[in-house]
Structures are given as C-alpha cells and as structure tokens.
C-alpha atoms as a PDB file:
ATOM      1  CA  MET A   1       0.134  -0.210  -0.024  1.00  0.00           C
ATOM      2  CA  ALA A   2       3.010   2.358   0.782  1.00  0.00           C
ATOM      3  CA  ALA A   3       4.511   1.634  -2.704  1.00  0.00           C
ATOM      4  CA  SER A   4       1.214   2.586  -4.458  1.00  0.00           C
ATOM      5  CA  LEU A   5       0.817   5.710  -2.535  1.00  0.00           C
ATOM      6  CA  PHE A   6       4.180   6.882  -2.931  1.00  0.00           C
ATOM      7  CA  LYS A   7       3.647   6.095  -6.910  1.00  0.00           C
ATOM      8  CA  TRP A   8       0.553   8.455  -6.174  1.00  0.00           C
ATOM      9  CA  PHE A   9       1.714  11.597  -5.083  1.00  0.00           C
ATOM     10  CA  GLY A  10       4.922  11.254  -7.041  1.00  0.00           C
ATOM     11  CA  ALA A  11       2.456  11.338  -9.976  1.00  0.00           C
ATOM     12  CA  VAL A  12       0.524  14.001  -8.258  1.00  0.00           C
ATOM     13  CA  ILE A  13       4.060  16.023  -8.479  1.00  0.00           C
ATOM     14  CA  PHE A  14       4.330  14.806 -11.793  1.00  0.00           C
ATOM     15  CA  SER A  15       1.278  16.032 -12.773  1.00  0.00           C
ATOM     16  CA  PHE A  16       2.092  19.258 -10.759  1.00  0.00           C
ATOM     17  CA  VAL A  17       4.885  20.569 -12.721  1.00  0.00           C
ATOM     18  CA  CYS A  18       4.011  19.757 -15.955  1.00  0.00           C
ATOM     19  CA  ALA A  19       0.238  20.715 -15.984  1.00  0.00           C
ATOM     20  CA  GLY A  20      -0.630  21.968 -19.093  1.00  0.00           C
ATOM     21  CA  ARG A  21       2.559  21.892 -20.885  1.00  0.00           C
ATOM     22  CA  PRO A  22       4.814  19.246 -22.970  1.00  0.00           C
ATOM     23  CA  VAL A  23       7.255  17.846 -21.202  1.00  0.00           C
ATOM     24  CA  GLU A  24      10.514  18.285 -23.977  1.00  0.00           C
ATOM     25  CA  ASN A  25      14.667  18.025 -23.702  1.00  0.00           C
ATOM     26  CA  THR A  26      13.935  22.094 -22.062  1.00  0.00           C
ATOM     27  CA  HIS A  27      11.344  22.207 -19.069  1.00  0.00           C
ATOM     28  CA  PRO A  28      11.449  24.425 -16.951  1.00  0.00           C
ATOM     29  CA  LEU A  29      11.793  22.690 -13.739  1.00  0.00           C
ATOM     30  CA  TYR A  30      14.250  19.768 -13.481  1.00  0.00           C
ATOM     31  CA  ILE A  31      12.570  17.557 -10.407  1.00  0.00           C
ATOM     32  CA  SER A  32      13.096  13.971  -9.209  1.00  0.00           C
ATOM     33  CA  VAL A  33      11.766  12.634  -6.160  1.00  0.00           C
ATOM     34  CA  THR A  34      12.800   9.781  -3.955  1.00  0.00           C
ATOM     35  CA  GLU A  35      10.696   7.809  -1.770  1.00  0.00           C
ATOM     36  CA  ILE A  36      12.871   5.967   1.385  1.00  0.00           C
ATOM     37  CA  ASN A  37      10.023   3.721   3.024  1.00  0.00           C
ATOM     38  CA  HIS A  38      11.550   1.486   6.281  1.00  0.00           C
ATOM     39  CA  ASN A  39       9.505  -1.731   6.039  1.00  0.00           C
ATOM     40  CA  PRO A  40      10.358  -3.700   9.399  1.00  0.00           C
ATOM     41  CA  LYS A  41       8.407  -6.807   8.821  1.00  0.00           C
ATOM     42  CA  ASP A  42      10.928  -7.436   5.611  1.00  0.00           C
ATOM     43  CA  LYS A  43      13.485  -5.877   7.366  1.00  0.00           C
ATOM     44  CA  ILE A  44      14.023  -3.634   4.467  1.00  0.00           C
ATOM     45  CA  LEU A  45      14.395  -0.493   2.711  1.00  0.00           C
ATOM     46  CA  GLU A  46      12.345   0.679  -0.053  1.00  0.00           C
ATOM     47  CA  VAL A  47      13.458   3.311  -2.581  1.00  0.00           C
ATOM     48  CA  SER A  48      12.227   4.444  -5.151  1.00  0.00           C
ATOM     49  CA  CYS A  49      13.378   7.399  -7.557  1.00  0.00           C
ATOM     50  CA  LYS A  50      10.936   9.273 -10.383  1.00  0.00           C
ATOM     51  CA  ILE A  51      12.643  11.029 -12.854  1.00  0.00           C
ATOM     52  CA  PHE A  52      11.513  13.100 -15.744  1.00  0.00           C
ATOM     53  CA  THR A  53      11.847  10.172 -18.190  1.00  0.00           C
ATOM     54  CA  ASN A  54      13.826  12.651 -20.777  1.00  0.00           C
ATOM     55  CA  ASP A  55      15.885  14.023 -18.647  1.00  0.00           C
ATOM     56  CA  LEU A  56      17.060  10.593 -17.475  1.00  0.00           C
ATOM     57  CA  GLU A  57      17.758   9.408 -21.032  1.00  0.00           C
ATOM     58  CA  ALA A  58      19.802  12.479 -21.173  1.00  0.00           C
ATOM     59  CA  ALA A  59      21.953  11.397 -18.251  1.00  0.00           C
ATOM     60  CA  LEU A  60      22.303   7.999 -19.040  1.00  0.00           C
ATOM     61  CA  GLU A  61      23.230   8.890 -22.413  1.00  0.00           C
ATOM     62  CA  LYS A  62      26.387  11.485 -21.023  1.00  0.00           C
ATOM     63  CA  MET A  63      27.120   8.914 -18.621  1.00  0.00           C
ATOM     64  CA  SER A  64      27.271   5.808 -21.201  1.00  0.00           C
ATOM     65  CA  LYS A  65      28.273   7.786 -24.790  1.00  0.00           C
ATOM     66  CA  THR A  66      24.985   6.072 -26.413  1.00  0.00           C
ATOM     67  CA  HIS A  67      21.672   6.851 -27.853  1.00  0.00           C
ATOM     68  CA  VAL A  68      19.242   5.521 -25.168  1.00  0.00           C
ATOM     69  CA  ASP A  69      15.329   5.661 -24.785  1.00  0.00           C
ATOM     70  CA  LEU A  70      13.776   3.949 -22.646  1.00  0.00           C
ATOM     71  CA  SER A  71      10.858   2.980 -24.152  1.00  0.00           C
ATOM     72  CA  VAL A  72      12.265   0.442 -26.355  1.00  0.00           C
ATOM     73  CA  ALA A  73      11.121  -2.491 -24.852  1.00  0.00           C
ATOM     74  CA  LYS A  74      13.584  -4.896 -26.453  1.00  0.00           C
ATOM     75  CA  GLU A  75      16.248  -2.679 -24.358  1.00  0.00           C
ATOM     76  CA  LYS A  76      15.123  -3.008 -21.180  1.00  0.00           C
ATOM     77  CA  ALA A  77      17.177  -5.203 -19.394  1.00  0.00           C
ATOM     78  CA  ALA A  78      20.534  -3.285 -20.725  1.00  0.00           C
ATOM     79  CA  SER A  79      18.519   0.185 -19.780  1.00  0.00           C
ATOM     80  CA  ASP A  80      17.883  -1.358 -16.263  1.00  0.00           C
ATOM     81  CA  LYS A  81      21.569  -1.888 -16.027  1.00  0.00           C
ATOM     82  CA  LEU A  82      22.423   1.577 -16.876  1.00  0.00           C
ATOM     83  CA  ILE A  83      19.539   3.281 -14.385  1.00  0.00           C
ATOM     84  CA  ALA A  84      20.939   1.049 -11.691  1.00  0.00           C
ATOM     85  CA  ASP A  85      24.429   1.813 -12.420  1.00  0.00           C
ATOM     86  CA  TYR A  86      23.429   5.866 -12.759  1.00  0.00           C
ATOM     87  CA  VAL A  87      21.728   5.883  -9.304  1.00  0.00           C
ATOM     88  CA  GLU A  88      23.713   3.501  -7.601  1.00  0.00           C
ATOM     89  CA  ARG A  89      26.604   6.576  -8.374  1.00  0.00           C
ATOM     90  CA  HIS A  90      24.034   9.303  -7.607  1.00  0.00           C
ATOM     91  CA  LEU A  91      22.567   8.186  -4.468  1.00  0.00           C
ATOM     92  CA  ARG A  92      24.116   7.240  -1.717  1.00  0.00           C
ATOM     93  CA  LEU A  93      22.678   6.169   2.010  1.00  0.00           C
ATOM     94  CA  ARG A  94      24.105   5.729   4.855  1.00  0.00           C
ATOM     95  CA  LEU A  95      22.016   3.913   7.914  1.00  0.00           C
ATOM     96  CA  ASP A  96      22.956   4.271  11.664  1.00  0.00           C
ATOM     97  CA  GLY A  97      26.339   5.211  10.383  1.00  0.00           C
ATOM     98  CA  LYS A  98      27.056   2.782   7.996  1.00  0.00           C
ATOM     99  CA  ALA A  99      27.303   2.436   4.229  1.00  0.00           C
ATOM    100  CA  ALA A 100      23.872   0.782   2.596  1.00  0.00           C
ATOM    101  CA  VAL A 101      24.373  -0.958  -0.802  1.00  0.00           C
ATOM    102  CA  LEU A 102      21.211  -0.390  -2.509  1.00  0.00           C
ATOM    103  CA  HIS A 103      20.335  -3.498  -4.405  1.00  0.00           C
ATOM    104  CA  PHE A 104      18.467  -2.659  -7.853  1.00  0.00           C
ATOM    105  CA  VAL A 105      14.720  -4.891  -8.229  1.00  0.00           C
ATOM    106  CA  GLY A 106      13.579  -3.022 -11.096  1.00  0.00           C
ATOM    107  CA  SER A 107      12.084   0.304 -13.453  1.00  0.00           C
ATOM    108  CA  GLU A 108       8.864   1.194 -15.111  1.00  0.00           C
ATOM    109  CA  LYS A 109       7.841   4.226 -17.122  1.00  0.00           C
ATOM    110  CA  GLU A 110       4.468   5.966 -16.007  1.00  0.00           C
ATOM    111  CA  ASN A 111       3.655   8.944 -18.194  1.00  0.00           C
ATOM    112  CA  ASP A 112       6.423  11.910 -18.273  1.00  0.00           C
ATOM    113  CA  GLY A 113       8.402   9.627 -15.525  1.00  0.00           C
ATOM    114  CA  THR A 114      10.394   6.851 -15.141  1.00  0.00           C
ATOM    115  CA  TRP A 115      10.151   4.838 -11.693  1.00  0.00           C
ATOM    116  CA  SER A 116      13.479   2.840 -10.412  1.00  0.00           C
ATOM    117  CA  TYR A 117      13.255   1.231  -7.006  1.00  0.00           C
ATOM    118  CA  PHE A 118      15.792  -0.214  -5.281  1.00  0.00           C
ATOM    119  CA  GLN A 119      16.414  -2.466  -2.033  1.00  0.00           C
ATOM    120  CA  VAL A 120      18.482  -2.470   1.303  1.00  0.00           C
ATOM    121  CA  ASN A 121      18.709  -5.661   3.063  1.00  0.00           C
ATOM    122  CA  GLU A 122      18.888  -6.793   6.838  1.00  0.00           C
ATOM    123  CA  VAL A 123      18.058  -3.291   7.968  1.00  0.00           C
ATOM    124  CA  PRO A 124      15.624  -4.595  11.543  1.00  0.00           C
ATOM    125  CA  ALA A 125      15.783  -0.745  12.292  1.00  0.00           C
ATOM    126  CA  VAL A 126      17.184   2.375  11.577  1.00  0.00           C
ATOM    127  CA  LYS A 127      17.687   6.039  13.834  1.00  0.00           C
ATOM    128  CA  ARG A 128      19.212   7.806  11.100  1.00  0.00           C
ATOM    129  CA  ILE A 129      19.195   8.117   7.441  1.00  0.00           C
ATOM    130  CA  ASP A 130      22.266  10.264   5.910  1.00  0.00           C
ATOM    131  CA  ALA A 131      21.888  10.185   2.221  1.00  0.00           C
ATOM    132  CA  VAL A 132      23.980  12.204  -0.726  1.00  0.00           C
ATOM    133  CA  ASP A 133      21.235  12.767  -3.500  1.00  0.00           C
ATOM    134  CA  GLU A 134      22.844  14.244  -6.793  1.00  0.00           C
ATOM    135  CA  LEU A 135      20.869  12.523  -8.696  1.00  0.00           C
ATOM    136  CA  LEU A 136      20.769  14.607 -12.527  1.00  0.00           C
ATOM    137  CA  TYR A 137      23.189  17.390 -10.823  1.00  0.00           C
ATOM    138  CA  ASP A 138      25.709  15.901 -13.501  1.00  0.00           C
ATOM    139  CA  SER A 139      23.491  17.236 -16.199  1.00  0.00           C
ATOM    140  CA  PHE A 140      21.186  19.939 -14.711  1.00  0.00           C
ATOM    141  CA  ASN A 141      22.386  22.991 -12.783  1.00  0.00           C
ATOM    142  CA  GLN A 142      18.343  23.227 -11.542  1.00  0.00           C
ATOM    143  CA  GLN A 143      18.047  20.431 -10.226  1.00  0.00           C
ATOM    144  CA  ILE A 144      15.835  20.269  -8.105  1.00  0.00           C
ATOM    145  CA  ASN A 145      15.664  16.746  -5.758  1.00  0.00           C
ATOM    146  CA  ILE A 146      12.693  15.930  -2.924  1.00  0.00           C
ATOM    147  CA  MET A 147      13.118  13.290  -0.663  1.00  0.00           C
ATOM    148  CA  HIS A 148      10.684  11.780   1.342  1.00  0.00           C
ATOM    149  CA  VAL A 149      11.552   9.295   3.884  1.00  0.00           C
ATOM    150  CA  THR A 150       9.465   7.364   6.433  1.00  0.00           C
ATOM    151  CA  VAL A 151      10.769   4.965   9.565  1.00  0.00           C
ATOM    152  CA  GLY A 152       8.236   3.680  11.900  1.00  0.00           C
ATOM    153  CA  GLY A 153       4.771   5.489  10.633  1.00  0.00           C
ATOM    154  CA  GLN A 154       7.049   8.852  10.527  1.00  0.00           C
ATOM    155  CA  ARG A 155       7.092  10.311   7.549  1.00  0.00           C
ATOM    156  CA  LYS A 156       9.906  13.793   7.204  1.00  0.00           C
ATOM    157  CA  SER A 157      10.829  15.939   3.922  1.00  0.00           C
ATOM    158  CA  THR A 158      13.133  17.532   2.654  1.00  0.00           C
ATOM    159  CA  ARG A 159      13.805  19.769  -0.654  1.00  0.00           C
ATOM    160  CA  LEU A 160      17.617  19.933  -2.609  1.00  0.00           C
ATOM    161  CA  ASP A 161      19.049  22.626  -4.981  1.00  0.00           C
ATOM    162  CA  TYR A 162      21.561  22.118  -6.953  1.00  0.00           C
ATOM    163  CA  PRO A 163      24.559  22.256  -5.830  1.00  0.00           C
ATOM    164  CA  GLU A 164      23.172  21.270  -2.309  1.00  0.00           C
ATOM    165  CA  GLY A 165      23.024  17.159  -2.490  1.00  0.00           C
ATOM    166  CA  ASN A 166      23.530  16.502   1.766  1.00  0.00           C
ATOM    167  CA  ALA A 167      20.436  15.782   3.817  1.00  0.00           C
ATOM    168  CA  SER A 168      19.899  13.761   6.801  1.00  0.00           C
ATOM    169  CA  PHE A 169      16.774  12.524   9.074  1.00  0.00           C
ATOM    170  CA  GLU A 170      16.516  11.257  12.416  1.00  0.00           C
ATOM    171  CA  PHE A 171      13.863   9.408  13.843  1.00  0.00           C
END
C-alpha cells in the first residue's frame, strides 16, 4: 500500500509540474522525487526514485556515451543496467553511520516519468539516514531533488536544490 501511495504522490507532483505543458528536453523545472520507506516486517529499506524520462535518458546518454531510449522494450535489460548504475552512483545512503548497498529491483515508465526501485536488505531498524542525492546534478544545474523518508510511521521530507546534495533524517 505504501508503494502505491508513493507512486500516487509522485504522479501528483509530476502532474502539477507538467500541468498544461508538454515535457520536452528543455522544460522550466528539473525535478526528481525519491521515496525511502523502512519496512520493519521484511527488514528492508525500500527506495524508489521518479525522474522525468527525457532527463534520465539525457543523463544516461552522457554517462554511457550511447543513445538511450527507455521506451524500447527489447532494450529493457540494458536500460535497467544503466539506470541501476546511474542511481547507485548518484544516490548514496548511510544508515546509522554505515554505508548502505542499494540493490536494484526494477524500473517502469509512468506517463512522463520513470520509476526505479531499489532495496537495502537486512535493516531491522534505523534511527538515522544520511543521504547524498545528486541525481541529475551532472546534467542540470537547475535540478531539484525532493526526498520523502518514512520510518516507524513517521514521515520527513526535504528539498535539495543544486548543488546541495546532502540530507539527514533522524527518527
């Protein structure tokens, strides 16, 4: 249920940002939304990132030096590998002072955005999350990254404007 709520909230933000405007390679607002949810039952940290698809494609092309089209189904495995590599380089987490390893779960396109899903395994509890969120900072100096973190039913949010990429959450 939390995942569907996160998807809904991300869709609302993206819809608000794009209201009445076609999303092109140059649009007035560069934004990503990262949702982090601690699932104590399964002892995992669920991480999902939503990024405008055209912006993500541009960043992946810059990183890989190859053309990227995330809508091509037969290239899904290669695209997923690029997305995983990109996000793992630009989103780093520390849980209670220890580096966390993001494990890629998958990705999906939704309207003008692309969701990527990760998890951190063996997280029975967490009191502090330190994040470095520099998604798309290498491509757009107008980038805004919004983070929502939920632990123990308590939700905290922050907005990171380029070049600021550091955020901390205590529960």
